[in-house]
């Protein structure tokens, strides 16, 4: 365990938010970032992820949900660039890459979980089982990189984002999704809001702090929004008028449970 300064603004000053499971979560007094301090050693995180089936099982239970999400993402992206080379970091069982491959993208995934890698490879996908910084991919290797619900698991995002920028083509696209610490439920439940606050999440982003972090590492924000007022997995059209109205209202205010960010390398 080691004490750190704020990942976003470098401010050493913070106030304690609470103990979340094993670790202490603090709030930066400069930019308002919620983060774990002190942070655990990286080797402990790698060992945990490799042997875990939790996220593999979650992805298997929600394949159609993640297929729909990937299709919506590539609809937006392909209005900006044609299908090219995409890397999904933390690709799990590879659902997003399957969709991308169907649309003509040249696909590569990075994943640590043994169970997820096995399933992804069985679908004919190119998967690298190693940490991004260890792989040392050639510079300017990809036209798009996606990082879905993975950045919050990185205890120190600086080296990770520098490597993402290095291997991304100039003006290439970066898509990130993370839990929203400023979701409406946070204001009711505070540190008991377990969708974001639990042991293997080390940074808790708002739209403001995620945007600042990416700008610090050489990205410009193209789109920034929040999604879903609750953790539902069927289509919005399957729900009542009240449900749809509430969802649209919460998303418009920026209080959805997830943040979606599309950025470009400058």
C-alpha atoms as a PDB file:
ATOM      1  CA  UNK A   1       0.000   0.000   0.000  1.00  0.00           C
ATOM      2  CA  UNK A   2       1.281   3.500  -0.790  1.00  0.00           C
ATOM      3  CA  UNK A   3      -0.026   7.023  -0.349  1.00  0.00           C
ATOM      4  CA  UNK A   4      -0.622   9.009  -3.549  1.00  0.00           C
ATOM      5  CA  UNK A   5      -1.632  12.458  -4.764  1.00  0.00           C
ATOM      6  CA  UNK A   6      -4.790  13.064  -6.802  1.00  0.00           C
ATOM      7  CA  UNK A   7      -4.732  11.313 -10.208  1.00  0.00           C
ATOM      8  CA  UNK A   8      -6.392  14.260 -11.945  1.00  0.00           C
ATOM      9  CA  UNK A   9      -4.906  17.470 -10.520  1.00  0.00           C
ATOM     10  CA  UNK A  10      -1.980  16.236  -8.416  1.00  0.00           C
ATOM     11  CA  UNK A  11      -3.268  17.902  -5.251  1.00  0.00           C
ATOM     12  CA  UNK A  12      -1.914  16.167  -2.120  1.00  0.00           C
ATOM     13  CA  UNK A  13      -4.788  17.431   0.033  1.00  0.00           C
ATOM     14  CA  UNK A  14      -7.948  15.384   0.483  1.00  0.00           C
ATOM     15  CA  UNK A  15     -10.744  14.659   2.891  1.00  0.00           C
ATOM     16  CA  UNK A  16     -11.740  11.137   3.858  1.00  0.00           C
ATOM     17  CA  UNK A  17     -15.044   9.987   2.387  1.00  0.00           C
ATOM     18  CA  UNK A  18     -15.216   6.603   4.094  1.00  0.00           C
ATOM     19  CA  UNK A  19     -13.857   3.092   4.270  1.00  0.00           C
ATOM     20  CA  UNK A  20     -15.206   1.006   1.383  1.00  0.00           C
ATOM     21  CA  UNK A  21     -14.576  -2.641   2.213  1.00  0.00           C
ATOM     22  CA  UNK A  22     -10.831  -3.043   2.648  1.00  0.00           C
ATOM     23  CA  UNK A  23      -9.753   0.385   1.421  1.00  0.00           C
ATOM     24  CA  UNK A  24     -10.184   4.055   2.307  1.00  0.00           C
ATOM     25  CA  UNK A  25     -11.845   6.338  -0.251  1.00  0.00           C
ATOM     26  CA  UNK A  26     -10.939  10.021  -0.220  1.00  0.00           C
ATOM     27  CA  UNK A  27     -12.127  13.149  -2.068  1.00  0.00           C
ATOM     28  CA  UNK A  28      -9.561  15.492  -3.616  1.00  0.00           C
ATOM     29  CA  UNK A  29      -9.841  19.019  -2.197  1.00  0.00           C
ATOM     30  CA  UNK A  30      -8.753  20.421  -5.545  1.00  0.00           C
ATOM     31  CA  UNK A  31     -10.901  18.807  -8.260  1.00  0.00           C
ATOM     32  CA  UNK A  32     -13.325  16.613  -6.287  1.00  0.00           C
ATOM     33  CA  UNK A  33     -12.091  13.232  -7.565  1.00  0.00           C
ATOM     34  CA  UNK A  34     -13.079  10.234  -5.411  1.00  0.00           C
ATOM     35  CA  UNK A  35     -10.209   7.735  -5.233  1.00  0.00           C
ATOM     36  CA  UNK A  36      -8.655   5.005  -3.098  1.00  0.00           C
ATOM     37  CA  UNK A  37      -5.747   6.240  -0.981  1.00  0.00           C
ATOM     38  CA  UNK A  38      -3.461   4.520  -0.160  1.00  0.00           C
ATOM     39  CA  UNK A  39      -3.559   2.165  -3.165  1.00  0.00           C
ATOM     40  CA  UNK A  40      -2.735  -1.557  -3.160  1.00  0.00           C
ATOM     41  CA  UNK A  41       0.201  -2.973  -5.095  1.00  0.00           C
ATOM     42  CA  UNK A  42      -0.557  -3.868  -8.724  1.00  0.00           C
ATOM     43  CA  UNK A  43       0.498  -7.502  -8.403  1.00  0.00           C
ATOM     44  CA  UNK A  44      -2.373  -8.103  -5.976  1.00  0.00           C
ATOM     45  CA  UNK A  45      -4.864  -6.756  -8.533  1.00  0.00           C
ATOM     46  CA  UNK A  46      -3.532  -8.902 -11.377  1.00  0.00           C
ATOM     47  CA  UNK A  47      -3.763 -12.091  -9.321  1.00  0.00           C
ATOM     48  CA  UNK A  48      -7.343 -11.294  -8.351  1.00  0.00           C
ATOM     49  CA  UNK A  49      -8.518 -10.567 -11.912  1.00  0.00           C
ATOM     50  CA  UNK A  50      -6.859 -13.595 -13.537  1.00  0.00           C
ATOM     51  CA  UNK A  51      -8.619 -16.066 -11.305  1.00  0.00           C
ATOM     52  CA  UNK A  52     -12.003 -14.361 -11.069  1.00  0.00           C
ATOM     53  CA  UNK A  53     -15.117 -15.521 -12.942  1.00  0.00           C
ATOM     54  CA  UNK A  54     -17.406 -12.766 -11.622  1.00  0.00           C
ATOM     55  CA  UNK A  55     -17.238 -10.470 -14.635  1.00  0.00           C
ATOM     56  CA  UNK A  56     -17.180 -13.397 -17.060  1.00  0.00           C
ATOM     57  CA  UNK A  57     -20.479 -14.677 -15.681  1.00  0.00           C
ATOM     58  CA  UNK A  58     -21.993 -11.192 -15.733  1.00  0.00           C
ATOM     59  CA  UNK A  59     -21.117 -10.788 -19.421  1.00  0.00           C
ATOM     60  CA  UNK A  60     -22.500 -14.227 -20.279  1.00  0.00           C
ATOM     61  CA  UNK A  61     -25.818 -13.325 -18.640  1.00  0.00           C
ATOM     62  CA  UNK A  62     -26.119 -10.071 -20.623  1.00  0.00           C
ATOM     63  CA  UNK A  63     -24.793 -10.898 -24.104  1.00  0.00           C
ATOM     64  CA  UNK A  64     -27.664  -9.259 -25.991  1.00  0.00           C
ATOM     65  CA  UNK A  65     -27.463  -6.135 -23.843  1.00  0.00           C
ATOM     66  CA  UNK A  66     -23.773  -5.737 -24.620  1.00  0.00           C
ATOM     67  CA  UNK A  67     -24.321  -6.520 -28.311  1.00  0.00           C
ATOM     68  CA  UNK A  68     -26.892  -3.721 -28.502  1.00  0.00           C
ATOM     69  CA  UNK A  69     -24.564  -1.340 -26.682  1.00  0.00           C
ATOM     70  CA  UNK A  70     -21.698  -2.146 -29.046  1.00  0.00           C
ATOM     71  CA  UNK A  71     -23.912  -1.663 -32.101  1.00  0.00           C
ATOM     72  CA  UNK A  72     -24.999   1.763 -30.842  1.00  0.00           C
ATOM     73  CA  UNK A  73     -21.383   2.731 -30.206  1.00  0.00           C
ATOM     74  CA  UNK A  74     -20.163   1.713 -33.656  1.00  0.00           C
ATOM     75  CA  UNK A  75     -23.115   3.464 -35.290  1.00  0.00           C
ATOM     76  CA  UNK A  76     -21.802   6.704 -33.760  1.00  0.00           C
ATOM     77  CA  UNK A  77     -18.143   5.996 -34.418  1.00  0.00           C
ATOM     78  CA  UNK A  78     -18.632   5.007 -38.057  1.00  0.00           C
ATOM     79  CA  UNK A  79     -20.194   8.412 -38.687  1.00  0.00           C
ATOM     80  CA  UNK A  80     -16.708   9.790 -37.869  1.00  0.00           C
ATOM     81  CA  UNK A  81     -14.297   7.145 -39.192  1.00  0.00           C
ATOM     82  CA  UNK A  82     -14.743   4.018 -41.353  1.00  0.00           C
ATOM     83  CA  UNK A  83     -14.116   0.529 -39.898  1.00  0.00           C
ATOM     84  CA  UNK A  84     -10.398   0.124 -39.235  1.00  0.00           C
ATOM     85  CA  UNK A  85      -8.264  -1.238 -36.371  1.00  0.00           C
ATOM     86  CA  UNK A  86      -9.890  -1.444 -32.946  1.00  0.00           C
ATOM     87  CA  UNK A  87      -8.473  -2.537 -29.583  1.00  0.00           C
ATOM     88  CA  UNK A  88     -10.793  -3.363 -26.676  1.00  0.00           C
ATOM     89  CA  UNK A  89      -8.883  -3.209 -23.378  1.00  0.00           C
ATOM     90  CA  UNK A  90     -10.588  -5.348 -20.765  1.00  0.00           C
ATOM     91  CA  UNK A  91     -12.629  -7.064 -23.471  1.00  0.00           C
ATOM     92  CA  UNK A  92     -14.023  -9.815 -21.195  1.00  0.00           C
ATOM     93  CA  UNK A  93     -15.674 -12.524 -23.352  1.00  0.00           C
ATOM     94  CA  UNK A  94     -15.347 -10.359 -26.470  1.00  0.00           C
ATOM     95  CA  UNK A  95     -18.955  -9.400 -27.218  1.00  0.00           C
ATOM     96  CA  UNK A  96     -18.039  -5.900 -28.414  1.00  0.00           C
ATOM     97  CA  UNK A  97     -15.297  -7.297 -30.645  1.00  0.00           C
ATOM     98  CA  UNK A  98     -17.666  -9.858 -32.184  1.00  0.00           C
ATOM     99  CA  UNK A  99     -19.976  -6.995 -33.174  1.00  0.00           C
ATOM    100  CA  UNK A 100     -17.046  -4.953 -34.504  1.00  0.00           C
ATOM    101  CA  UNK A 101     -15.737  -7.903 -36.526  1.00  0.00           C
ATOM    102  CA  UNK A 102     -19.174  -8.391 -38.089  1.00  0.00           C
ATOM    103  CA  UNK A 103     -19.034  -4.756 -39.198  1.00  0.00           C
ATOM    104  CA  UNK A 104     -15.641  -5.098 -40.850  1.00  0.00           C
ATOM    105  CA  UNK A 105     -13.261  -3.920 -38.113  1.00  0.00           C
ATOM    106  CA  UNK A 106      -9.830  -5.504 -37.561  1.00  0.00           C
ATOM    107  CA  UNK A 107     -10.183  -6.535 -33.913  1.00  0.00           C
ATOM    108  CA  UNK A 108      -7.798  -7.141 -31.018  1.00  0.00           C
ATOM    109  CA  UNK A 109      -8.649  -7.598 -27.346  1.00  0.00           C
ATOM    110  CA  UNK A 110      -6.701  -7.430 -24.096  1.00  0.00           C
ATOM    111  CA  UNK A 111      -8.049  -9.376 -21.129  1.00  0.00           C
ATOM    112  CA  UNK A 112      -6.576 -10.854 -17.920  1.00  0.00           C
ATOM    113  CA  UNK A 113      -9.345 -13.200 -16.730  1.00  0.00           C
ATOM    114  CA  UNK A 114      -8.594 -16.816 -17.667  1.00  0.00           C
ATOM    115  CA  UNK A 115     -12.254 -17.746 -18.057  1.00  0.00           C
ATOM    116  CA  UNK A 116     -13.037 -14.704 -20.232  1.00  0.00           C
ATOM    117  CA  UNK A 117      -9.996 -15.249 -22.458  1.00  0.00           C
ATOM    118  CA  UNK A 118     -11.007 -18.838 -23.119  1.00  0.00           C
ATOM    119  CA  UNK A 119     -14.495 -17.804 -24.263  1.00  0.00           C
ATOM    120  CA  UNK A 120     -13.240 -14.875 -26.348  1.00  0.00           C
ATOM    121  CA  UNK A 121     -10.685 -17.021 -28.167  1.00  0.00           C
ATOM    122  CA  UNK A 122     -13.320 -19.693 -28.857  1.00  0.00           C
ATOM    123  CA  UNK A 123     -15.151 -17.040 -30.921  1.00  0.00           C
ATOM    124  CA  UNK A 124     -12.145 -16.630 -33.203  1.00  0.00           C
ATOM    125  CA  UNK A 125     -10.941 -13.374 -31.670  1.00  0.00           C
ATOM    126  CA  UNK A 126      -7.347 -12.189 -31.332  1.00  0.00           C
ATOM    127  CA  UNK A 127      -6.795 -11.850 -27.587  1.00  0.00           C
ATOM    128  CA  UNK A 128      -3.698 -10.818 -25.648  1.00  0.00           C
ATOM    129  CA  UNK A 129      -3.624 -11.985 -22.040  1.00  0.00           C
ATOM    130  CA  UNK A 130      -1.371  -9.425 -20.381  1.00  0.00           C
ATOM    131  CA  UNK A 131      -1.450  -5.938 -18.938  1.00  0.00           C
ATOM    132  CA  UNK A 132      -1.450  -3.218 -21.589  1.00  0.00           C
ATOM    133  CA  UNK A 133       1.830  -1.672 -20.426  1.00  0.00           C
ATOM    134  CA  UNK A 134       3.596  -5.058 -20.600  1.00  0.00           C
ATOM    135  CA  UNK A 135       2.602  -5.837 -24.190  1.00  0.00           C
ATOM    136  CA  UNK A 136       4.515  -2.917 -25.766  1.00  0.00           C
ATOM    137  CA  UNK A 137       2.407  -2.748 -28.905  1.00  0.00           C
ATOM    138  CA  UNK A 138       3.824  -0.615 -31.734  1.00  0.00           C
ATOM    139  CA  UNK A 139       2.990   3.094 -31.647  1.00  0.00           C
ATOM    140  CA  UNK A 140       0.030   4.350 -33.711  1.00  0.00           C
ATOM    141  CA  UNK A 141      -1.305   0.767 -33.959  1.00  0.00           C
ATOM    142  CA  UNK A 142      -5.037   1.455 -33.641  1.00  0.00           C
ATOM    143  CA  UNK A 143      -7.641   3.818 -35.035  1.00  0.00           C
ATOM    144  CA  UNK A 144      -9.962   3.254 -32.082  1.00  0.00           C
ATOM    145  CA  UNK A 145      -9.505   1.984 -28.530  1.00  0.00           C
ATOM    146  CA  UNK A 146     -12.356   1.099 -26.177  1.00  0.00           C
ATOM    147  CA  UNK A 147     -12.135   0.762 -22.396  1.00  0.00           C
ATOM    148  CA  UNK A 148     -15.443  -0.453 -20.975  1.00  0.00           C
ATOM    149  CA  UNK A 149     -15.819  -0.527 -17.186  1.00  0.00           C
ATOM    150  CA  UNK A 150     -12.127  -1.103 -16.770  1.00  0.00           C
ATOM    151  CA  UNK A 151     -10.549   2.277 -15.954  1.00  0.00           C
ATOM    152  CA  UNK A 152     -12.118   2.300 -12.487  1.00  0.00           C
ATOM    153  CA  UNK A 153     -10.177  -0.917 -11.759  1.00  0.00           C
ATOM    154  CA  UNK A 154      -6.799   0.750 -12.486  1.00  0.00           C
ATOM    155  CA  UNK A 155      -5.206   1.931  -9.256  1.00  0.00           C
ATOM    156  CA  UNK A 156      -2.850   4.365 -11.069  1.00  0.00           C
ATOM    157  CA  UNK A 157      -4.259   5.508 -14.461  1.00  0.00           C
ATOM    158  CA  UNK A 158      -1.306   7.670 -15.536  1.00  0.00           C
ATOM    159  CA  UNK A 159       0.925   4.974 -17.099  1.00  0.00           C
ATOM    160  CA  UNK A 160      -2.151   3.284 -18.579  1.00  0.00           C
ATOM    161  CA  UNK A 161      -3.426   6.427 -20.347  1.00  0.00           C
ATOM    162  CA  UNK A 162       0.037   7.369 -21.596  1.00  0.00           C
ATOM    163  CA  UNK A 163       0.298   3.943 -23.213  1.00  0.00           C
ATOM    164  CA  UNK A 164      -3.202   4.214 -24.689  1.00  0.00           C
ATOM    165  CA  UNK A 165      -2.248   7.518 -26.287  1.00  0.00           C
ATOM    166  CA  UNK A 166       1.041   6.111 -27.623  1.00  0.00           C
ATOM    167  CA  UNK A 167      -0.577   3.182 -29.453  1.00  0.00           C
ATOM    168  CA  UNK A 168      -3.551   5.194 -30.736  1.00  0.00           C
ATOM    169  CA  UNK A 169      -3.253   6.875 -34.123  1.00  0.00           C
ATOM    170  CA  UNK A 170      -3.083  10.662 -34.130  1.00  0.00           C
ATOM    171  CA  UNK A 171      -6.717  11.826 -34.214  1.00  0.00           C
ATOM    172  CA  UNK A 172      -7.743   8.260 -33.314  1.00  0.00           C
ATOM    173  CA  UNK A 173     -10.801   7.712 -31.113  1.00  0.00           C
ATOM    174  CA  UNK A 174     -10.966   6.581 -27.497  1.00  0.00           C
ATOM    175  CA  UNK A 175     -14.236   5.391 -25.941  1.00  0.00           C
ATOM    176  CA  UNK A 176     -14.484   4.971 -22.174  1.00  0.00           C
ATOM    177  CA  UNK A 177     -17.408   3.854 -20.028  1.00  0.00           C
ATOM    178  CA  UNK A 178     -17.238   3.966 -16.221  1.00  0.00           C
ATOM    179  CA  UNK A 179     -19.690   4.085 -13.310  1.00  0.00           C
ATOM    180  CA  UNK A 180     -20.875   7.598 -12.460  1.00  0.00           C
ATOM    181  CA  UNK A 181     -20.083   8.545  -8.873  1.00  0.00           C
ATOM    182  CA  UNK A 182     -22.571  11.420  -9.225  1.00  0.00           C
ATOM    183  CA  UNK A 183     -25.457   9.144 -10.170  1.00  0.00           C
ATOM    184  CA  UNK A 184     -28.723  10.105  -8.503  1.00  0.00           C
ATOM    185  CA  UNK A 185     -28.573   7.084  -6.186  1.00  0.00           C
ATOM    186  CA  UNK A 186     -25.252   8.275  -4.747  1.00  0.00           C
ATOM    187  CA  UNK A 187     -26.984  11.243  -3.131  1.00  0.00           C
ATOM    188  CA  UNK A 188     -29.326   8.867  -1.294  1.00  0.00           C
ATOM    189  CA  UNK A 189     -26.914   6.073  -0.381  1.00  0.00           C
ATOM    190  CA  UNK A 190     -23.473   7.745  -0.244  1.00  0.00           C
ATOM    191  CA  UNK A 191     -20.737   5.149   0.483  1.00  0.00           C
ATOM    192  CA  UNK A 192     -23.373   2.401   0.502  1.00  0.00           C
ATOM    193  CA  UNK A 193     -23.952   2.922  -3.220  1.00  0.00           C
ATOM    194  CA  UNK A 194     -22.369  -0.418  -4.075  1.00  0.00           C
ATOM    195  CA  UNK A 195     -22.692  -0.126  -7.865  1.00  0.00           C
ATOM    196  CA  UNK A 196     -19.595   2.087  -7.800  1.00  0.00           C
ATOM    197  CA  UNK A 197     -18.183   1.706  -4.280  1.00  0.00           C
ATOM    198  CA  UNK A 198     -16.634  -1.705  -3.777  1.00  0.00           C
ATOM    199  CA  UNK A 199     -13.223  -3.271  -3.258  1.00  0.00           C
ATOM    200  CA  UNK A 200     -12.004  -3.572  -6.846  1.00  0.00           C
ATOM    201  CA  UNK A 201     -12.930  -0.012  -7.914  1.00  0.00           C
ATOM    202  CA  UNK A 202     -10.102   2.398  -7.113  1.00  0.00           C
ATOM    203  CA  UNK A 203     -11.246   5.594  -8.880  1.00  0.00           C
ATOM    204  CA  UNK A 204     -14.802   6.933  -8.885  1.00  0.00           C
ATOM    205  CA  UNK A 205     -15.404   9.363 -11.736  1.00  0.00           C
ATOM    206  CA  UNK A 206     -17.888  12.136 -12.354  1.00  0.00           C
ATOM    207  CA  UNK A 207     -18.286  13.582 -15.842  1.00  0.00           C
ATOM    208  CA  UNK A 208     -16.100  16.537 -14.785  1.00  0.00           C
ATOM    209  CA  UNK A 209     -13.219  14.517 -13.339  1.00  0.00           C
ATOM    210  CA  UNK A 210     -13.160  12.002 -16.212  1.00  0.00           C
ATOM    211  CA  UNK A 211     -13.029  14.841 -18.756  1.00  0.00           C
ATOM    212  CA  UNK A 212     -10.210  16.568 -16.844  1.00  0.00           C
ATOM    213  CA  UNK A 213      -8.194  13.358 -16.595  1.00  0.00           C
ATOM    214  CA  UNK A 214      -8.426  12.646 -20.323  1.00  0.00           C
ATOM    215  CA  UNK A 215      -7.558  16.230 -21.237  1.00  0.00           C
ATOM    216  CA  UNK A 216      -4.473  16.007 -19.008  1.00  0.00           C
ATOM    217  CA  UNK A 217      -3.246  13.015 -21.024  1.00  0.00           C
ATOM    218  CA  UNK A 218      -3.707  14.477 -24.479  1.00  0.00           C
ATOM    219  CA  UNK A 219      -7.319  13.819 -25.462  1.00  0.00           C
ATOM    220  CA  UNK A 220     -10.100  16.168 -26.498  1.00  0.00           C
ATOM    221  CA  UNK A 221     -13.674  15.310 -25.567  1.00  0.00           C
ATOM    222  CA  UNK A 222     -16.136  14.754 -28.429  1.00  0.00           C
ATOM    223  CA  UNK A 223     -19.124  13.370 -26.518  1.00  0.00           C
ATOM    224  CA  UNK A 224     -19.810  13.070 -22.790  1.00  0.00           C
ATOM    225  CA  UNK A 225     -23.072  11.755 -21.366  1.00  0.00           C
ATOM    226  CA  UNK A 226     -24.586   9.556 -18.686  1.00  0.00           C
ATOM    227  CA  UNK A 227     -26.748   6.496 -19.303  1.00  0.00           C
ATOM    228  CA  UNK A 228     -29.529   4.612 -17.504  1.00  0.00           C
ATOM    229  CA  UNK A 229     -31.245   5.661 -14.311  1.00  0.00           C
ATOM    230  CA  UNK A 230     -31.241   2.049 -13.103  1.00  0.00           C
ATOM    231  CA  UNK A 231     -29.239  -1.058 -13.958  1.00  0.00           C
ATOM    232  CA  UNK A 232     -31.735  -2.465 -16.480  1.00  0.00           C
ATOM    233  CA  UNK A 233     -30.645  -4.777 -19.306  1.00  0.00           C
ATOM    234  CA  UNK A 234     -33.634  -4.990 -21.625  1.00  0.00           C
ATOM    235  CA  UNK A 235     -34.430  -2.234 -24.073  1.00  0.00           C
ATOM    236  CA  UNK A 236     -35.971   1.008 -22.892  1.00  0.00           C
ATOM    237  CA  UNK A 237     -38.924   0.348 -25.178  1.00  0.00           C
ATOM    238  CA  UNK A 238     -39.921  -2.629 -22.988  1.00  0.00           C
ATOM    239  CA  UNK A 239     -40.708  -0.335 -20.052  1.00  0.00           C
ATOM    240  CA  UNK A 240     -43.585   1.870 -18.987  1.00  0.00           C
ATOM    241  CA  UNK A 241     -44.077   5.514 -19.881  1.00  0.00           C
ATOM    242  CA  UNK A 242     -43.102   6.513 -16.327  1.00  0.00           C
ATOM    243  CA  UNK A 243     -39.898   4.454 -16.525  1.00  0.00           C
ATOM    244  CA  UNK A 244     -38.938   6.018 -19.874  1.00  0.00           C
ATOM    245  CA  UNK A 245     -39.714   9.524 -18.647  1.00  0.00           C
ATOM    246  CA  UNK A 246     -37.662   9.044 -15.486  1.00  0.00           C
ATOM    247  CA  UNK A 247     -34.782   7.607 -17.500  1.00  0.00           C
ATOM    248  CA  UNK A 248     -34.750  10.472 -19.988  1.00  0.00           C
ATOM    249  CA  UNK A 249     -34.953  13.057 -17.197  1.00  0.00           C
ATOM    250  CA  UNK A 250     -32.099  11.515 -15.185  1.00  0.00           C
ATOM    251  CA  UNK A 251     -29.878  11.144 -18.259  1.00  0.00           C
ATOM    252  CA  UNK A 252     -30.524  14.740 -19.316  1.00  0.00           C
ATOM    253  CA  UNK A 253     -29.454  15.981 -15.877  1.00  0.00           C
ATOM    254  CA  UNK A 254     -26.249  13.905 -16.014  1.00  0.00           C
ATOM    255  CA  UNK A 255     -27.240  11.650 -13.112  1.00  0.00           C
ATOM    256  CA  UNK A 256     -27.334   8.304 -14.968  1.00  0.00           C
ATOM    257  CA  UNK A 257     -25.451   5.398 -13.437  1.00  0.00           C
ATOM    258  CA  UNK A 258     -22.814   5.225 -16.193  1.00  0.00           C
ATOM    259  CA  UNK A 259     -20.624   7.755 -17.970  1.00  0.00           C
ATOM    260  CA  UNK A 260     -20.001   7.374 -21.698  1.00  0.00           C
ATOM    261  CA  UNK A 261     -17.099   9.389 -23.124  1.00  0.00           C
ATOM    262  CA  UNK A 262     -15.893   9.533 -26.709  1.00  0.00           C
ATOM    263  CA  UNK A 263     -12.594  11.382 -27.095  1.00  0.00           C
ATOM    264  CA  UNK A 264      -9.964  11.984 -29.754  1.00  0.00           C
ATOM    265  CA  UNK A 265      -6.196  11.913 -29.451  1.00  0.00           C
ATOM    266  CA  UNK A 266      -4.751  15.369 -30.145  1.00  0.00           C
END
